[in-house]
């Protein structure tokens, strides 16, 4: 979907100065509307300079995504439709609520006003800075191992990043990490998978699966999800360093869209079984000393153990005091 005609983002996204009068005339709106929209863009994290008699200029030209160009590079075999929107509430929500359609739908957004992460956390990024993407597919019925789809997505995206020379690791159940020069993990991407029955109350009916990915392509500060010593600590973030043509934001969008479309196709055909071995080769928690935070009715219970990898059903296995304990997604939060 193209940028709305009232938006002055595209006209000023060229590094030059534009007066409010010229923008109002070009977009056929009032000066007050231009001012309001500039304020809105600033609230979305876009840095805009304003000088009397010169007008407005972006401090840095944004590389906005081109949906037709992405679409043209996706294999037709994958039956994938790509859409880019400037501002949405949440890409996951929009695809979950969209009318039924054949094939895979991939939606990118330049900005999310209500982006979500695991455990109900909010996730924000300045407009045009990161890759915010969701992919959906309607299945004839819910697979028995549908709960493992975030692990499949993590394995697929991590393996794709490695083909680009990015030394990524998948962190159970739904993050992708890089390790810095001193061996500390930093969050590169987060994954949020959701599903719903298309016919409520009929457990054998068709279902819709949505896989959302937020991939950092420019440095940003992680949000303070936790501020107390009695809750899981927030993760430091990192970003793909755009140092080569294959790592531009547009090129990464093509690769991410194709990776998610292929992953959904494979998962629909054979479930998690085809992703177990790839996952285990990029498992960030295997043989690591882990701290696990398990929420109880009153507080968080803190456990310590050694990661033993994942079971075939996707459960995290941890050696705690000589006993292997299994944990399912949503049961614990894990940190090194």
Protein backbone atom coordinates (compact mmCIF):
# COMPACT_ATOMS: atom_id res chain seq x y z
CA UNK A 1 0.00 0.00 0.00
CA UNK A 2 1.53 3.37 -0.93
CA UNK A 3 2.19 6.11 1.58
CA UNK A 4 -0.97 8.14 2.25
CA UNK A 5 -1.12 11.27 0.09
CA UNK A 6 -1.26 13.58 3.14
CA UNK A 7 2.12 12.37 4.39
CA UNK A 8 5.06 14.75 3.78
CA UNK A 9 7.60 12.02 4.49
CA UNK A 10 8.33 11.12 0.87
CA UNK A 11 8.62 14.72 -0.44
CA UNK A 12 11.21 15.61 2.22
CA UNK A 13 13.06 12.30 2.13
CA UNK A 14 15.67 13.66 -0.29
CA UNK A 15 18.12 15.58 1.92
CA UNK A 16 16.87 18.99 0.75
CA UNK A 17 14.95 21.80 2.43
CA UNK A 18 11.20 22.11 1.81
CA UNK A 19 9.05 24.96 3.04
CA UNK A 20 5.75 24.30 4.71
CA UNK A 21 4.03 26.33 1.99
CA UNK A 22 5.55 24.21 -0.78
CA UNK A 23 4.65 20.96 0.99
CA UNK A 24 1.08 22.13 1.58
CA UNK A 25 0.70 23.02 -2.09
CA UNK A 26 2.27 19.76 -3.28
CA UNK A 27 0.10 17.60 -1.02
CA UNK A 28 -3.02 19.81 -1.32
CA UNK A 29 -3.43 20.24 2.43
CA UNK A 30 -3.22 23.14 4.85
CA UNK A 31 -0.06 24.43 6.52
CA UNK A 32 -1.56 23.33 9.83
CA UNK A 33 -1.90 19.78 8.48
CA UNK A 34 1.77 19.79 7.45
CA UNK A 35 2.83 21.00 10.89
CA UNK A 36 0.72 18.32 12.58
CA UNK A 37 2.19 15.60 10.39
CA UNK A 38 5.76 16.79 10.99
CA UNK A 39 5.06 16.61 14.73
CA UNK A 40 3.67 13.10 14.24
CA UNK A 41 6.78 11.99 12.35
CA UNK A 42 9.00 13.36 15.11
CA UNK A 43 6.97 11.40 17.65
CA UNK A 44 7.75 8.31 15.57
CA UNK A 45 11.47 8.91 16.02
CA UNK A 46 12.19 10.71 12.73
CA UNK A 47 14.72 13.51 13.26
CA UNK A 48 13.58 16.55 11.26
CA UNK A 49 15.37 19.89 11.19
CA UNK A 50 13.29 23.06 10.94
CA UNK A 51 14.72 26.50 10.04
CA UNK A 52 12.72 29.69 9.48
CA UNK A 53 12.45 30.61 5.79
CA UNK A 54 14.11 27.33 4.78
CA UNK A 55 11.52 24.85 6.00
CA UNK A 56 12.01 21.20 6.91
CA UNK A 57 14.71 18.65 6.16
CA UNK A 58 15.40 15.15 7.42
CA UNK A 59 18.65 14.86 9.35
CA UNK A 60 19.23 11.61 7.47
CA UNK A 61 17.57 10.28 4.33
CA UNK A 62 15.55 7.16 5.14
CA UNK A 63 15.77 4.00 3.05
CA UNK A 64 12.10 3.10 2.74
CA UNK A 65 11.05 -0.32 1.56
CA UNK A 66 9.83 -0.89 -2.01
CA UNK A 67 7.07 -3.52 -2.08
CA UNK A 68 7.07 -4.18 -5.87
CA UNK A 69 10.86 -4.61 -5.83
CA UNK A 70 10.63 -7.08 -2.95
CA UNK A 71 7.76 -8.92 -4.63
CA UNK A 72 9.70 -9.24 -7.89
CA UNK A 73 12.50 -11.13 -6.14
CA UNK A 74 10.31 -13.65 -4.29
CA UNK A 75 10.07 -17.02 -6.02
CA UNK A 76 6.60 -17.39 -7.63
CA UNK A 77 6.58 -20.99 -6.41
CA UNK A 78 6.07 -19.70 -2.86
CA UNK A 79 2.78 -17.96 -3.81
CA UNK A 80 3.60 -14.94 -1.68
CA UNK A 81 2.05 -11.47 -1.71
CA UNK A 82 4.20 -8.64 -0.27
CA UNK A 83 2.79 -5.39 1.11
CA UNK A 84 4.57 -2.42 2.69
CA UNK A 85 2.74 0.13 4.83
CA UNK A 86 4.16 3.23 6.42
CA UNK A 87 2.37 3.11 9.78
CA UNK A 88 0.35 0.30 11.38
CA UNK A 89 -0.67 -0.67 14.87
CA UNK A 90 0.89 -4.14 14.62
CA UNK A 91 1.77 -6.20 11.55
CA UNK A 92 0.76 -9.37 13.40
CA UNK A 93 -2.63 -7.93 14.32
CA UNK A 94 -3.37 -6.69 10.80
CA UNK A 95 -2.60 -10.06 9.22
CA UNK A 96 -4.47 -11.97 11.92
CA UNK A 97 -7.60 -9.88 11.29
CA UNK A 98 -7.33 -9.75 7.48
CA UNK A 99 -9.88 -11.53 5.25
CA UNK A 100 -8.99 -15.06 4.21
CA UNK A 101 -6.76 -15.48 1.20
CA UNK A 102 -4.83 -18.16 -0.60
CA UNK A 103 -1.07 -18.36 -0.27
CA UNK A 104 1.28 -16.47 2.00
CA UNK A 105 0.96 -12.78 2.83
CA UNK A 106 4.04 -10.85 4.00
CA UNK A 107 3.48 -7.41 5.52
CA UNK A 108 6.26 -4.94 6.28
CA UNK A 109 5.69 -1.74 8.25
CA UNK A 110 7.99 1.26 8.51
CA UNK A 111 6.55 1.93 11.97
CA UNK A 112 4.35 0.11 14.49
CA UNK A 113 2.41 2.07 17.08
CA UNK A 114 1.47 -1.04 19.06
CA UNK A 115 4.19 -3.57 18.30
CA UNK A 116 4.21 -6.54 20.65
CA UNK A 117 6.73 -9.03 21.93
CA UNK A 118 6.69 -12.10 24.13
CA UNK A 119 4.88 -11.96 27.50
CA UNK A 120 2.83 -8.96 26.34
CA UNK A 121 5.79 -6.60 26.17
CA UNK A 122 5.64 -3.59 23.86
CA UNK A 123 8.29 -3.04 21.20
CA UNK A 124 9.00 0.26 19.48
CA UNK A 125 11.48 1.37 16.84
CA UNK A 126 11.88 4.72 15.03
CA UNK A 127 10.13 4.93 11.67
CA UNK A 128 12.17 3.44 8.83
CA UNK A 129 14.95 2.18 11.10
CA UNK A 130 14.44 -1.57 11.53
CA UNK A 131 12.71 -4.41 9.71
CA UNK A 132 9.22 -5.01 11.09
CA UNK A 133 7.61 -7.91 9.27
CA UNK A 134 4.88 -10.51 9.64
CA UNK A 135 3.97 -13.45 7.42
CA UNK A 136 0.69 -15.34 7.48
CA UNK A 137 -0.66 -18.58 6.06
CA UNK A 138 -4.08 -20.23 6.37
CA UNK A 139 -3.80 -23.97 7.03
CA UNK A 140 -6.58 -26.55 6.50
CA UNK A 141 -6.19 -27.56 10.17
CA UNK A 142 -3.92 -26.76 13.09
CA UNK A 143 -0.80 -28.99 13.16
CA UNK A 144 -0.24 -30.97 16.34
CA UNK A 145 3.16 -29.32 16.79
CA UNK A 146 2.00 -25.76 16.06
CA UNK A 147 3.54 -24.59 19.34
CA UNK A 148 7.01 -25.14 17.89
CA UNK A 149 6.60 -22.73 14.99
CA UNK A 150 8.56 -19.96 16.74
CA UNK A 151 11.51 -22.37 17.02
CA UNK A 152 11.21 -23.21 13.32
CA UNK A 153 11.11 -19.51 12.46
CA UNK A 154 14.12 -18.81 14.67
CA UNK A 155 16.13 -21.59 13.09
CA UNK A 156 15.21 -20.50 9.55
CA UNK A 157 15.98 -16.80 10.08
CA UNK A 158 19.23 -17.58 11.91
CA UNK A 159 20.44 -19.92 9.18
CA UNK A 160 19.59 -17.28 6.53
CA UNK A 161 21.54 -14.59 8.42
CA UNK A 162 24.54 -16.92 8.55
CA UNK A 163 24.51 -17.21 4.76
CA UNK A 164 25.05 -13.42 4.77
CA UNK A 165 28.05 -13.70 7.07
CA UNK A 166 26.16 -12.65 10.21
CA UNK A 167 27.23 -14.99 13.08
CA UNK A 168 23.74 -15.27 14.55
CA UNK A 169 22.49 -17.77 17.14
CA UNK A 170 18.92 -18.74 18.01
CA UNK A 171 17.90 -18.30 21.63
CA UNK A 172 15.00 -20.46 22.84
CA UNK A 173 12.16 -19.84 22.40
CA UNK A 174 11.93 -16.80 20.15
CA UNK A 175 15.00 -14.54 19.96
CA UNK A 176 18.07 -14.30 17.76
CA UNK A 177 21.36 -13.28 19.35
CA UNK A 178 24.81 -12.08 18.43
CA UNK A 179 27.68 -12.42 20.89
CA UNK A 180 29.91 -9.37 21.33
CA UNK A 181 33.69 -9.38 21.53
CA UNK A 182 33.68 -10.36 25.22
CA UNK A 183 31.13 -13.13 24.73
CA UNK A 184 28.03 -11.36 26.03
CA UNK A 185 24.78 -11.96 24.13
CA UNK A 186 22.92 -9.12 22.46
CA UNK A 187 19.46 -9.32 20.95
CA UNK A 188 19.45 -9.04 17.16
CA UNK A 189 15.85 -10.05 16.48
CA UNK A 190 12.66 -11.09 18.20
CA UNK A 191 9.93 -13.43 16.96
CA UNK A 192 6.26 -13.48 17.90
CA UNK A 193 4.06 -16.28 16.54
CA UNK A 194 0.27 -16.35 16.88
CA UNK A 195 -2.58 -18.45 15.54
CA UNK A 196 -6.37 -18.62 15.59
CA UNK A 197 -9.09 -20.93 14.35
CA UNK A 198 -10.90 -19.55 11.32
CA UNK A 199 -14.13 -21.13 12.57
CA UNK A 200 -14.42 -20.54 16.29
CA UNK A 201 -15.27 -23.58 18.39
CA UNK A 202 -14.30 -26.12 15.73
CA UNK A 203 -10.91 -27.52 16.76
CA UNK A 204 -10.64 -29.42 13.48
CA UNK A 205 -11.22 -26.33 11.34
CA UNK A 206 -8.76 -24.30 9.34
CA UNK A 207 -6.42 -22.03 11.25
CA UNK A 208 -4.36 -18.96 10.49
CA UNK A 209 -0.71 -18.79 11.51
CA UNK A 210 1.12 -15.46 11.77
CA UNK A 211 4.89 -15.19 12.30
CA UNK A 212 6.17 -11.75 13.24
CA UNK A 213 9.84 -10.76 13.17
CA UNK A 214 11.52 -7.57 14.34
CA UNK A 215 15.10 -7.43 13.01
CA UNK A 216 17.46 -4.68 14.13
CA UNK A 217 19.32 -3.23 11.14
CA UNK A 218 20.44 -0.01 12.86
CA UNK A 219 21.68 0.34 16.45
CA UNK A 220 19.02 1.08 19.06
CA UNK A 221 18.72 1.04 22.82
CA UNK A 222 16.70 -1.82 24.25
CA UNK A 223 13.59 -0.93 26.21
CA UNK A 224 13.69 -1.32 30.02
CA UNK A 225 11.30 -4.26 30.15
CA UNK A 226 12.45 -5.01 33.71
CA UNK A 227 13.88 -2.66 36.32
CA UNK A 228 13.94 -4.82 39.45
CA UNK A 229 16.34 -7.49 40.66
CA UNK A 230 13.34 -9.75 41.24
CA UNK A 231 12.26 -9.83 37.58
CA UNK A 232 14.10 -11.05 34.46
CA UNK A 233 16.66 -8.47 33.30
CA UNK A 234 16.24 -6.66 29.99
CA UNK A 235 18.45 -7.73 27.09
CA UNK A 236 20.97 -5.42 25.46
CA UNK A 237 20.31 -5.07 21.73
CA UNK A 238 22.54 -5.02 18.69
CA UNK A 239 22.04 -4.66 14.95
CA UNK A 240 23.11 -6.09 11.62
CA UNK A 241 25.97 -3.91 10.41
CA UNK A 242 25.13 -2.68 6.91
CA UNK A 243 28.58 -2.95 5.38
CA UNK A 244 27.87 -4.79 2.13
CA UNK A 245 25.23 -4.63 -0.63
CA UNK A 246 23.54 -7.81 0.58
CA UNK A 247 22.99 -6.19 3.98
CA UNK A 248 21.06 -3.09 2.92
CA UNK A 249 17.63 -2.73 4.47
CA UNK A 250 15.91 -3.45 1.15
CA UNK A 251 18.05 -6.52 0.44
CA UNK A 252 17.47 -7.82 3.96
CA UNK A 253 13.72 -7.35 3.48
CA UNK A 254 13.83 -9.53 0.36
CA UNK A 255 15.77 -12.24 2.16
CA UNK A 256 13.57 -12.13 5.24
CA UNK A 257 10.36 -12.32 3.21
CA UNK A 258 11.61 -15.27 1.20
CA UNK A 259 12.91 -17.02 4.33
CA UNK A 260 9.58 -16.70 6.16
CA UNK A 261 7.59 -17.79 3.11
CA UNK A 262 9.77 -20.88 2.65
CA UNK A 263 9.63 -21.66 6.38
CA UNK A 264 5.82 -21.46 6.44
CA UNK A 265 5.59 -23.67 3.36
CA UNK A 266 7.87 -26.30 4.88
CA UNK A 267 6.17 -26.19 8.28
CA UNK A 268 2.77 -26.63 6.65
CA UNK A 269 4.09 -29.71 4.82
CA UNK A 270 6.06 -31.49 7.56
CA UNK A 271 5.85 -29.56 10.84
CA UNK A 272 8.82 -29.05 13.12
CA UNK A 273 10.64 -32.26 12.22
CA UNK A 274 12.56 -30.66 9.36
CA UNK A 275 13.81 -27.82 11.58
CA UNK A 276 15.14 -29.81 14.56
CA UNK A 277 18.61 -30.50 13.13
CA UNK A 278 19.11 -26.94 11.76
CA UNK A 279 18.03 -25.52 15.13
CA UNK A 280 20.52 -27.61 17.04
CA UNK A 281 23.44 -26.34 14.95
CA UNK A 282 22.73 -22.71 15.96
CA UNK A 283 21.47 -23.21 19.53
CA UNK A 284 22.75 -20.34 21.70
CA UNK A 285 21.92 -22.07 25.00
CA UNK A 286 23.45 -25.52 24.48
CA UNK A 287 26.09 -26.30 27.14
CA UNK A 288 25.75 -22.81 28.62
CA UNK A 289 25.18 -21.92 32.28
CA UNK A 290 21.60 -20.63 32.39
CA UNK A 291 19.46 -18.63 34.78
CA UNK A 292 15.75 -19.36 34.44
CA UNK A 293 13.00 -17.12 35.76
CA UNK A 294 9.69 -18.87 36.39
CA UNK A 295 6.72 -16.74 37.41
CA UNK A 296 4.67 -17.95 40.37
CA UNK A 297 1.49 -16.51 41.85
CA UNK A 298 3.50 -14.17 44.08
CA UNK A 299 6.92 -13.58 42.52
CA UNK A 300 9.59 -15.06 40.24
CA UNK A 301 11.32 -18.33 41.08
CA UNK A 302 14.97 -18.30 39.98
CA UNK A 303 16.60 -21.55 38.82
CA UNK A 304 20.14 -22.30 37.63
CA UNK A 305 21.36 -25.07 35.34
CA UNK A 306 23.25 -26.10 32.22
CA UNK A 307 21.52 -26.04 28.84
CA UNK A 308 21.15 -29.49 27.26
CA UNK A 309 19.60 -28.36 23.98
CA UNK A 310 16.05 -28.96 22.81
CA UNK A 311 13.98 -32.13 22.74
CA UNK A 312 12.38 -33.29 19.51
CA UNK A 313 9.12 -31.64 20.59
CA UNK A 314 10.86 -28.27 21.10
CA UNK A 315 11.03 -28.34 24.90
CA UNK A 316 14.13 -26.75 26.47
CA UNK A 317 16.17 -29.31 28.41
CA UNK A 318 18.24 -28.07 31.35
CA UNK A 319 20.45 -30.00 33.74
CA UNK A 320 19.52 -28.74 37.21
CA UNK A 321 21.51 -30.40 40.01
CA UNK A 322 22.14 -33.50 37.91
CA UNK A 323 18.55 -33.94 36.74
CA UNK A 324 17.37 -33.06 33.25
CA UNK A 325 14.29 -30.82 33.49
CA UNK A 326 12.07 -29.92 30.53
CA UNK A 327 10.54 -26.49 30.05
CA UNK A 328 7.92 -25.43 27.51
CA UNK A 329 7.66 -22.07 25.79
CA UNK A 330 5.97 -19.50 28.00
CA UNK A 331 6.87 -21.34 31.20
CA UNK A 332 10.21 -19.61 31.84
CA UNK A 333 12.37 -16.68 30.76
CA UNK A 334 16.00 -17.67 30.15
CA UNK A 335 19.22 -15.66 30.43
CA UNK A 336 22.89 -16.62 30.37
